[in-house]
Amino acid sequence: MGGLGSDAAIEAADVVLMTDEPSKLAAAMNIAKRTKGIVWQNIALALGVKGVFLVLGAGGVASMWEAVFADVGVALLAIFNAMRAMKYKPA
């Protein structure tokens, strides 16, 4: 526990509860699952858009500038999608 634990134990731990309430661990697990889902959504979106513009560029339909704007756009969409995790309150 963060409040009563030694400094060496806190440094060695992967997860530290800063309060003396073990029930917070369940909330942390729910937030981690939600975050993992959002990360996979962002990866799928980015790879999908890049794949589409790769095919369009190879076919001569899309120019390099369109691919650059699509890349910037998908990066912004991924950032906005990831911001949803900040509003998540586990039940």
PDB file of N, CA and C in Angstrom:
ATOM      1  N   MET A   1       0.847  -1.175   0.000  1.00  0.00           N
ATOM      2  CA  MET A   1       0.000   0.000   0.000  1.00  0.00           C
ATOM      3  C   MET A   1       0.888   1.232   0.000  1.00  0.00           C
ATOM      4  N   GLY A   2       0.458   2.242  -0.705  1.00  0.00           N
ATOM      5  CA  GLY A   2       1.270   3.440  -0.853  1.00  0.00           C
ATOM      6  C   GLY A   2       1.500   4.191   0.432  1.00  0.00           C
ATOM      7  N   GLY A   3       0.495   4.242   1.304  1.00  0.00           N
ATOM      8  CA  GLY A   3       0.635   5.017   2.521  1.00  0.00           C
ATOM      9  C   GLY A   3       1.537   4.368   3.550  1.00  0.00           C
ATOM     10  N   LEU A   4       1.518   3.036   3.608  1.00  0.00           N
ATOM     11  CA  LEU A   4       2.272   2.342   4.646  1.00  0.00           C
ATOM     12  C   LEU A   4       3.456   1.555   4.098  1.00  0.00           C
ATOM     13  N   GLY A   5       3.585   1.439   2.793  1.00  0.00           N
ATOM     14  CA  GLY A   5       4.643   0.633   2.210  1.00  0.00           C
ATOM     15  C   GLY A   5       5.991   1.302   2.279  1.00  0.00           C
ATOM     16  N   SER A   6       7.025   0.481   2.221  1.00  0.00           N
ATOM     17  CA  SER A   6       8.371   1.034   2.242  1.00  0.00           C
ATOM     18  C   SER A   6       8.715   1.584   0.864  1.00  0.00           C
ATOM     19  N   ASP A   7       9.682   2.461   0.829  1.00  0.00           N
ATOM     20  CA  ASP A   7      10.082   3.075  -0.437  1.00  0.00           C
ATOM     21  C   ASP A   7      10.622   2.038  -1.409  1.00  0.00           C
ATOM     22  N   ALA A   8      11.340   1.039  -0.914  1.00  0.00           N
ATOM     23  CA  ALA A   8      11.892   0.004  -1.794  1.00  0.00           C
ATOM     24  C   ALA A   8      10.777  -0.815  -2.425  1.00  0.00           C
ATOM     25  N   ALA A   9       9.733  -1.130  -1.652  1.00  0.00           N
ATOM     26  CA  ALA A   9       8.614  -1.898  -2.193  1.00  0.00           C
ATOM     27  C   ALA A   9       7.845  -1.095  -3.233  1.00  0.00           C
ATOM     28  N   ILE A  10       7.705   0.194  -2.996  1.00  0.00           N
ATOM     29  CA  ILE A  10       6.997   1.055  -3.951  1.00  0.00           C
ATOM     30  C   ILE A  10       7.787   1.155  -5.253  1.00  0.00           C
ATOM     31  N   GLU A  11       9.100   1.266  -5.180  1.00  0.00           N
ATOM     32  CA  GLU A  11       9.931   1.355  -6.381  1.00  0.00           C
ATOM     33  C   GLU A  11       9.918   0.060  -7.175  1.00  0.00           C
ATOM     34  N   ALA A  12       9.825  -1.074  -6.502  1.00  0.00           N
ATOM     35  CA  ALA A  12       9.878  -2.370  -7.176  1.00  0.00           C
ATOM     36  C   ALA A  12       8.527  -2.797  -7.743  1.00  0.00           C
ATOM     37  N   ALA A  13       7.455  -2.194  -7.271  1.00  0.00           N
ATOM     38  CA  ALA A  13       6.113  -2.640  -7.665  1.00  0.00           C
ATOM     39  C   ALA A  13       5.734  -2.136  -9.053  1.00  0.00           C
ATOM     40  N   ASP A  14       4.893  -2.921  -9.735  1.00  0.00           N
ATOM     41  CA  ASP A  14       4.342  -2.488 -11.025  1.00  0.00           C
ATOM     42  C   ASP A  14       3.163  -1.549 -10.810  1.00  0.00           C
ATOM     43  N   VAL A  15       2.389  -1.796  -9.769  1.00  0.00           N
ATOM     44  CA  VAL A  15       1.221  -0.979  -9.448  1.00  0.00           C
ATOM     45  C   VAL A  15       1.281  -0.643  -7.972  1.00  0.00           C
ATOM     46  N   VAL A  16       1.033   0.624  -7.648  1.00  0.00           N
ATOM     47  CA  VAL A  16       1.038   1.062  -6.248  1.00  0.00           C
ATOM     48  C   VAL A  16      -0.299   1.718  -5.955  1.00  0.00           C
ATOM     49  N   LEU A  17      -0.979   1.239  -4.930  1.00  0.00           N
ATOM     50  CA  LEU A  17      -2.201   1.887  -4.466  1.00  0.00           C
ATOM     51  C   LEU A  17      -1.795   2.996  -3.509  1.00  0.00           C
ATOM     52  N   MET A  18      -2.128   4.221  -3.835  1.00  0.00           N
ATOM     53  CA  MET A  18      -1.701   5.341  -3.013  1.00  0.00           C
ATOM     54  C   MET A  18      -2.611   5.558  -1.806  1.00  0.00           C
ATOM     55  N   THR A  19      -3.732   4.864  -1.770  1.00  0.00           N
ATOM     56  CA  THR A  19      -4.592   4.903  -0.591  1.00  0.00           C
ATOM     57  C   THR A  19      -4.583   3.524   0.045  1.00  0.00           C
ATOM     58  N   ASP A  20      -5.094   3.436   1.241  1.00  0.00           N
ATOM     59  CA  ASP A  20      -5.145   2.154   1.937  1.00  0.00           C
ATOM     60  C   ASP A  20      -6.481   1.452   1.700  1.00  0.00           C
ATOM     61  N   GLU A  21      -7.002   1.553   0.477  1.00  0.00           N
ATOM     62  CA  GLU A  21      -8.256   0.919   0.112  1.00  0.00           C
ATOM     63  C   GLU A  21      -8.020  -0.095  -1.005  1.00  0.00           C
ATOM     64  N   PRO A  22      -7.977  -1.387  -0.700  1.00  0.00           N
ATOM     65  CA  PRO A  22      -7.766  -2.394  -1.742  1.00  0.00           C
ATOM     66  C   PRO A  22      -8.894  -2.434  -2.780  1.00  0.00           C
ATOM     67  N   SER A  23     -10.042  -1.885  -2.471  1.00  0.00           N
ATOM     68  CA  SER A  23     -11.140  -1.874  -3.431  1.00  0.00           C
ATOM     69  C   SER A  23     -10.820  -1.034  -4.663  1.00  0.00           C
ATOM     70  N   LYS A  24      -9.858  -0.138  -4.566  1.00  0.00           N
ATOM     71  CA  LYS A  24      -9.465   0.687  -5.705  1.00  0.00           C
ATOM     72  C   LYS A  24      -8.789  -0.138  -6.795  1.00  0.00           C
ATOM     73  N   LEU A  25      -8.315  -1.326  -6.449  1.00  0.00           N
ATOM     74  CA  LEU A  25      -7.664  -2.181  -7.439  1.00  0.00           C
ATOM     75  C   LEU A  25      -8.652  -2.604  -8.525  1.00  0.00           C
ATOM     76  N   ALA A  26      -9.885  -2.898  -8.156  1.00  0.00           N
ATOM     77  CA  ALA A  26     -10.902  -3.277  -9.141  1.00  0.00           C
ATOM     78  C   ALA A  26     -11.178  -2.113 -10.101  1.00  0.00           C
ATOM     79  N   ALA A  27     -11.236  -0.915  -9.587  1.00  0.00           N
ATOM     80  CA  ALA A  27     -11.445   0.256 -10.444  1.00  0.00           C
ATOM     81  C   ALA A  27     -10.266   0.438 -11.397  1.00  0.00           C
ATOM     82  N   ALA A  28      -9.055   0.232 -10.918  1.00  0.00           N
ATOM     83  CA  ALA A  28      -7.875   0.348 -11.774  1.00  0.00           C
ATOM     84  C   ALA A  28      -7.894  -0.703 -12.880  1.00  0.00           C
ATOM     85  N   MET A  29      -8.356  -1.906 -12.575  1.00  0.00           N
ATOM     86  CA  MET A  29      -8.451  -2.955 -13.589  1.00  0.00           C
ATOM     87  C   MET A  29      -9.480  -2.598 -14.651  1.00  0.00           C
ATOM     88  N   ASN A  30     -10.607  -2.014 -14.248  1.00  0.00           N
ATOM     89  CA  ASN A  30     -11.622  -1.597 -15.214  1.00  0.00           C
ATOM     90  C   ASN A  30     -11.107  -0.493 -16.124  1.00  0.00           C
ATOM     91  N   ILE A  31     -10.391   0.461 -15.563  1.00  0.00           N
ATOM     92  CA  ILE A  31      -9.814   1.538 -16.367  1.00  0.00           C
ATOM     93  C   ILE A  31      -8.786   0.973 -17.346  1.00  0.00           C
ATOM     94  N   ALA A  32      -7.993   0.004 -16.898  1.00  0.00           N
ATOM     95  CA  ALA A  32      -6.982  -0.603 -17.772  1.00  0.00           C
ATOM     96  C   ALA A  32      -7.636  -1.339 -18.937  1.00  0.00           C
ATOM     97  N   LYS A  33      -8.727  -2.046 -18.683  1.00  0.00           N
ATOM     98  CA  LYS A  33      -9.433  -2.759 -19.760  1.00  0.00           C
ATOM     99  C   LYS A  33     -10.015  -1.777 -20.766  1.00  0.00           C
ATOM    100  N   ARG A  34     -10.587  -0.701 -20.266  1.00  0.00           N
ATOM    101  CA  ARG A  34     -11.164   0.319 -21.144  1.00  0.00           C
ATOM    102  C   ARG A  34     -10.064   0.971 -21.992  1.00  0.00           C
ATOM    103  N   THR A  35      -8.936   1.265 -21.377  1.00  0.00           N
ATOM    104  CA  THR A  35      -7.817   1.877 -22.088  1.00  0.00           C
ATOM    105  C   THR A  35      -7.275   0.945 -23.157  1.00  0.00           C
ATOM    106  N   LYS A  36      -7.181  -0.333 -22.840  1.00  0.00           N
ATOM    107  CA  LYS A  36      -6.691  -1.309 -23.813  1.00  0.00           C
ATOM    108  C   LYS A  36      -7.612  -1.364 -25.027  1.00  0.00           C
ATOM    109  N   GLY A  37      -8.920  -1.309 -24.809  1.00  0.00           N
ATOM    110  CA  GLY A  37      -9.870  -1.292 -25.915  1.00  0.00           C
ATOM    111  C   GLY A  37      -9.710  -0.067 -26.797  1.00  0.00           C
ATOM    112  N   ILE A  38      -9.504   1.082 -26.181  1.00  0.00           N
ATOM    113  CA  ILE A  38      -9.311   2.317 -26.942  1.00  0.00           C
ATOM    114  C   ILE A  38      -8.015   2.262 -27.743  1.00  0.00           C
ATOM    115  N   VAL A  39      -6.974   1.688 -27.174  1.00  0.00           N
ATOM    116  CA  VAL A  39      -5.703   1.562 -27.888  1.00  0.00           C
ATOM    117  C   VAL A  39      -5.875   0.695 -29.129  1.00  0.00           C
ATOM    118  N   TRP A  40      -6.586  -0.421 -28.995  1.00  0.00           N
ATOM    119  CA  TRP A  40      -6.804  -1.289 -30.156  1.00  0.00           C
ATOM    120  C   TRP A  40      -7.656  -0.597 -31.219  1.00  0.00           C
ATOM    121  N   GLN A  41      -8.616   0.210 -30.805  1.00  0.00           N
ATOM    122  CA  GLN A  41      -9.405   0.982 -31.771  1.00  0.00           C
ATOM    123  C   GLN A  41      -8.506   1.942 -32.549  1.00  0.00           C
ATOM    124  N   ASN A  42      -7.618   2.622 -31.841  1.00  0.00           N
ATOM    125  CA  ASN A  42      -6.718   3.578 -32.497  1.00  0.00           C
ATOM    126  C   ASN A  42      -5.764   2.877 -33.465  1.00  0.00           C
ATOM    127  N   ILE A  43      -5.259   1.713 -33.069  1.00  0.00           N
ATOM    128  CA  ILE A  43      -4.353   0.972 -33.949  1.00  0.00           C
ATOM    129  C   ILE A  43      -5.088   0.535 -35.211  1.00  0.00           C
ATOM    130  N   ALA A  44      -6.289  -0.011 -35.052  1.00  0.00           N
ATOM    131  CA  ALA A  44      -7.058  -0.469 -36.212  1.00  0.00           C
ATOM    132  C   ALA A  44      -7.398   0.694 -37.134  1.00  0.00           C
ATOM    133  N   LEU A  45      -7.810   1.813 -36.566  1.00  0.00           N
ATOM    134  CA  LEU A  45      -8.140   2.987 -37.378  1.00  0.00           C
ATOM    135  C   LEU A  45      -6.920   3.485 -38.151  1.00  0.00           C
ATOM    136  N   ALA A  46      -5.797   3.609 -37.476  1.00  0.00           N
ATOM    137  CA  ALA A  46      -4.592   4.132 -38.129  1.00  0.00           C
ATOM    138  C   ALA A  46      -4.122   3.199 -39.237  1.00  0.00           C
ATOM    139  N   LEU A  47      -4.060   1.903 -38.956  1.00  0.00           N
ATOM    140  CA  LEU A  47      -3.604   0.970 -39.980  1.00  0.00           C
ATOM    141  C   LEU A  47      -4.585   0.885 -41.136  1.00  0.00           C
ATOM    142  N   GLY A  48      -5.890   0.975 -40.853  1.00  0.00           N
ATOM    143  CA  GLY A  48      -6.896   0.938 -41.909  1.00  0.00           C
ATOM    144  C   GLY A  48      -6.777   2.119 -42.858  1.00  0.00           C
ATOM    145  N   VAL A  49      -6.665   3.321 -42.295  1.00  0.00           N
ATOM    146  CA  VAL A  49      -6.553   4.515 -43.135  1.00  0.00           C
ATOM    147  C   VAL A  49      -5.239   4.494 -43.914  1.00  0.00           C
ATOM    148  N   LYS A  50      -4.156   4.103 -43.273  1.00  0.00           N
ATOM    149  CA  LYS A  50      -2.869   4.037 -43.975  1.00  0.00           C
ATOM    150  C   LYS A  50      -2.909   3.005 -45.092  1.00  0.00           C
ATOM    151  N   GLY A  51      -3.570   1.883 -44.852  1.00  0.00           N
ATOM    152  CA  GLY A  51      -3.700   0.853 -45.883  1.00  0.00           C
ATOM    153  C   GLY A  51      -4.509   1.343 -47.070  1.00  0.00           C
ATOM    154  N   VAL A  52      -5.603   2.051 -46.800  1.00  0.00           N
ATOM    155  CA  VAL A  52      -6.433   2.588 -47.881  1.00  0.00           C
ATOM    156  C   VAL A  52      -5.633   3.569 -48.720  1.00  0.00           C
ATOM    157  N   PHE A  53      -4.889   4.464 -48.085  1.00  0.00           N
ATOM    158  CA  PHE A  53      -4.131   5.449 -48.848  1.00  0.00           C
ATOM    159  C   PHE A  53      -2.903   4.839 -49.514  1.00  0.00           C
ATOM    160  N   LEU A  54      -2.405   3.740 -48.975  1.00  0.00           N
ATOM    161  CA  LEU A  54      -1.321   3.035 -49.648  1.00  0.00           C
ATOM    162  C   LEU A  54      -1.817   2.451 -50.966  1.00  0.00           C
ATOM    163  N   VAL A  55      -2.991   1.832 -50.926  1.00  0.00           N
ATOM    164  CA  VAL A  55      -3.577   1.262 -52.138  1.00  0.00           C
ATOM    165  C   VAL A  55      -3.948   2.369 -53.122  1.00  0.00           C
ATOM    166  N   LEU A  56      -4.573   3.440 -52.622  1.00  0.00           N
ATOM    167  CA  LEU A  56      -4.937   4.548 -53.505  1.00  0.00           C
ATOM    168  C   LEU A  56      -3.701   5.219 -54.115  1.00  0.00           C
ATOM    169  N   GLY A  57      -2.661   5.357 -53.329  1.00  0.00           N
ATOM    170  CA  GLY A  57      -1.428   5.951 -53.845  1.00  0.00           C
ATOM    171  C   GLY A  57      -0.752   5.059 -54.872  1.00  0.00           C
ATOM    172  N   ALA A  58      -0.753   3.759 -54.640  1.00  0.00           N
ATOM    173  CA  ALA A  58      -0.150   2.836 -55.601  1.00  0.00           C
ATOM    174  C   ALA A  58      -0.945   2.805 -56.900  1.00  0.00           C
ATOM    175  N   GLY A  59      -2.255   3.025 -56.791  1.00  0.00           N
ATOM    176  CA  GLY A  59      -3.096   3.053 -57.977  1.00  0.00           C
ATOM    177  C   GLY A  59      -3.094   4.389 -58.687  1.00  0.00           C
ATOM    178  N   GLY A  60      -2.442   5.374 -58.130  1.00  0.00           N
ATOM    179  CA  GLY A  60      -2.370   6.685 -58.761  1.00  0.00           C
ATOM    180  C   GLY A  60      -3.578   7.560 -58.506  1.00  0.00           C
ATOM    181  N   VAL A  61      -4.458   7.137 -57.612  1.00  0.00           N
ATOM    182  CA  VAL A  61      -5.665   7.910 -57.318  1.00  0.00           C
ATOM    183  C   VAL A  61      -5.383   9.001 -56.296  1.00  0.00           C
ATOM    184  N   ALA A  62      -4.597   8.681 -55.286  1.00  0.00           N
ATOM    185  CA  ALA A  62      -4.302   9.636 -54.219  1.00  0.00           C
ATOM    186  C   ALA A  62      -2.878  10.160 -54.378  1.00  0.00           C
ATOM    187  N   SER A  63      -2.716  11.438 -54.096  1.00  0.00           N
ATOM    188  CA  SER A  63      -1.384  12.032 -54.156  1.00  0.00           C
ATOM    189  C   SER A  63      -0.704  11.917 -52.795  1.00  0.00           C
ATOM    190  N   MET A  64       0.553  12.306 -52.789  1.00  0.00           N
ATOM    191  CA  MET A  64       1.309  12.271 -51.538  1.00  0.00           C
ATOM    192  C   MET A  64       0.719  13.228 -50.517  1.00  0.00           C
ATOM    193  N   TRP A  65       0.246  14.386 -50.960  1.00  0.00           N
ATOM    194  CA  TRP A  65      -0.319  15.360 -50.036  1.00  0.00           C
ATOM    195  C   TRP A  65      -1.591  14.845 -49.396  1.00  0.00           C
ATOM    196  N   GLU A  66      -2.414  14.152 -50.151  1.00  0.00           N
ATOM    197  CA  GLU A  66      -3.636  13.570 -49.576  1.00  0.00           C
ATOM    198  C   GLU A  66      -3.291  12.531 -48.518  1.00  0.00           C
ATOM    199  N   ALA A  67      -2.243  11.747 -48.779  1.00  0.00           N
ATOM    200  CA  ALA A  67      -1.808  10.748 -47.801  1.00  0.00           C
ATOM    201  C   ALA A  67      -1.268  11.411 -46.535  1.00  0.00           C
ATOM    202  N   VAL A  68      -0.553  12.518 -46.704  1.00  0.00           N
ATOM    203  CA  VAL A  68      -0.026  13.243 -45.537  1.00  0.00           C
ATOM    204  C   VAL A  68      -1.170  13.815 -44.710  1.00  0.00           C
ATOM    205  N   PHE A  69      -2.146  14.435 -45.380  1.00  0.00           N
ATOM    206  CA  PHE A  69      -3.290  14.979 -44.645  1.00  0.00           C
ATOM    207  C   PHE A  69      -4.095  13.874 -43.976  1.00  0.00           C
ATOM    208  N   ALA A  70      -4.227  12.734 -44.628  1.00  0.00           N
ATOM    209  CA  ALA A  70      -4.932  11.606 -44.017  1.00  0.00           C
ATOM    210  C   ALA A  70      -4.177  11.108 -42.787  1.00  0.00           C
ATOM    211  N   ASP A  71      -2.855  11.083 -42.861  1.00  0.00           N
ATOM    212  CA  ASP A  71      -2.050  10.637 -41.734  1.00  0.00           C
ATOM    213  C   ASP A  71      -2.190  11.581 -40.547  1.00  0.00           C
ATOM    214  N   VAL A  72      -2.150  12.873 -40.816  1.00  0.00           N
ATOM    215  CA  VAL A  72      -2.335  13.861 -39.742  1.00  0.00           C
ATOM    216  C   VAL A  72      -3.750  13.758 -39.181  1.00  0.00           C
ATOM    217  N   GLY A  73      -4.715  13.579 -40.069  1.00  0.00           N
ATOM    218  CA  GLY A  73      -6.099  13.454 -39.622  1.00  0.00           C
ATOM    219  C   GLY A  73      -6.323  12.242 -38.749  1.00  0.00           C
ATOM    220  N   VAL A  74      -5.741  11.113 -39.119  1.00  0.00           N
ATOM    221  CA  VAL A  74      -5.923   9.906 -38.319  1.00  0.00           C
ATOM    222  C   VAL A  74      -5.181  10.039 -36.985  1.00  0.00           C
ATOM    223  N   ALA A  75      -4.085  10.772 -36.965  1.00  0.00           N
ATOM    224  CA  ALA A  75      -3.391  11.014 -35.694  1.00  0.00           C
ATOM    225  C   ALA A  75      -4.260  11.858 -34.764  1.00  0.00           C
ATOM    226  N   LEU A  76      -4.899  12.876 -35.312  1.00  0.00           N
ATOM    227  CA  LEU A  76      -5.799  13.703 -34.491  1.00  0.00           C
ATOM    228  C   LEU A  76      -7.004  12.904 -34.003  1.00  0.00           C
ATOM    229  N   LEU A  77      -7.561  12.077 -34.882  1.00  0.00           N
ATOM    230  CA  LEU A  77      -8.692  11.233 -34.466  1.00  0.00           C
ATOM    231  C   LEU A  77      -8.282  10.270 -33.354  1.00  0.00           C
ATOM    232  N   ALA A  78      -7.080   9.727 -33.448  1.00  0.00           N
ATOM    233  CA  ALA A  78      -6.604   8.822 -32.404  1.00  0.00           C
ATOM    234  C   ALA A  78      -6.431   9.561 -31.074  1.00  0.00           C
ATOM    235  N   ILE A  79      -5.956  10.787 -31.132  1.00  0.00           N
ATOM    236  CA  ILE A  79      -5.802  11.575 -29.904  1.00  0.00           C
ATOM    237  C   ILE A  79      -7.159  11.876 -29.289  1.00  0.00           C
ATOM    238  N   PHE A  80      -8.115  12.296 -30.120  1.00  0.00           N
ATOM    239  CA  PHE A  80      -9.452  12.588 -29.597  1.00  0.00           C
ATOM    240  C   PHE A  80     -10.131  11.336 -29.066  1.00  0.00           C
ATOM    241  N   ASN A  81      -9.902  10.207 -29.719  1.00  0.00           N
ATOM    242  CA  ASN A  81     -10.472   8.947 -29.243  1.00  0.00           C
ATOM    243  C   ASN A  81      -9.844   8.556 -27.905  1.00  0.00           C
ATOM    244  N   ALA A  82      -8.549   8.771 -27.765  1.00  0.00           N
ATOM    245  CA  ALA A  82      -7.871   8.425 -26.513  1.00  0.00           C
ATOM    246  C   ALA A  82      -8.301   9.332 -25.366  1.00  0.00           C
ATOM    247  N   MET A  83      -8.740  10.539 -25.684  1.00  0.00           N
ATOM    248  CA  MET A  83      -9.197  11.454 -24.619  1.00  0.00           C
ATOM    249  C   MET A  83     -10.457  10.955 -23.937  1.00  0.00           C
ATOM    250  N   ARG A  84     -11.164  10.011 -24.566  1.00  0.00           N
ATOM    251  CA  ARG A  84     -12.341   9.437 -23.921  1.00  0.00           C
ATOM    252  C   ARG A  84     -11.980   8.720 -22.620  1.00  0.00           C
ATOM    253  N   ALA A  85     -10.771   8.209 -22.539  1.00  0.00           N
ATOM    254  CA  ALA A  85     -10.349   7.489 -21.337  1.00  0.00           C
ATOM    255  C   ALA A  85     -10.264   8.417 -20.127  1.00  0.00           C
ATOM    256  N   MET A  86     -10.045   9.704 -20.357  1.00  0.00           N
ATOM    257  CA  MET A  86      -9.948  10.639 -19.241  1.00  0.00           C
ATOM    258  C   MET A  86     -11.307  10.862 -18.581  1.00  0.00           C
ATOM    259  N   LYS A  87     -12.373  10.689 -19.326  1.00  0.00           N
ATOM    260  CA  LYS A  87     -13.717  10.912 -18.781  1.00  0.00           C
ATOM    261  C   LYS A  87     -14.316   9.661 -18.154  1.00  0.00           C
ATOM    262  N   TYR A  88     -13.665   8.516 -18.343  1.00  0.00           N
ATOM    263  CA  TYR A  88     -14.225   7.240 -17.889  1.00  0.00           C
ATOM    264  C   TYR A  88     -14.217   7.146 -16.366  1.00  0.00           C
ATOM    265  N   LYS A  89     -15.378   6.895 -15.813  1.00  0.00           N
ATOM    266  CA  LYS A  89     -15.512   6.676 -14.366  1.00  0.00           C
ATOM    267  C   LYS A  89     -16.057   5.268 -14.170  1.00  0.00           C
ATOM    268  N   PRO A  90     -15.268   4.366 -13.596  1.00  0.00           N
ATOM    269  CA  PRO A  90     -15.755   2.997 -13.414  1.00  0.00           C
ATOM    270  C   PRO A  90     -16.891   2.946 -12.392  1.00  0.00           C
ATOM    271  N   ALA A  91     -17.759   1.991 -12.581  1.00  0.00           N
ATOM    272  CA  ALA A  91     -18.909   1.845 -11.686  1.00  0.00           C
ATOM    273  C   ALA A  91     -18.541   1.235 -10.359  1.00  0.00           C
TER     274      ALA A  91
END
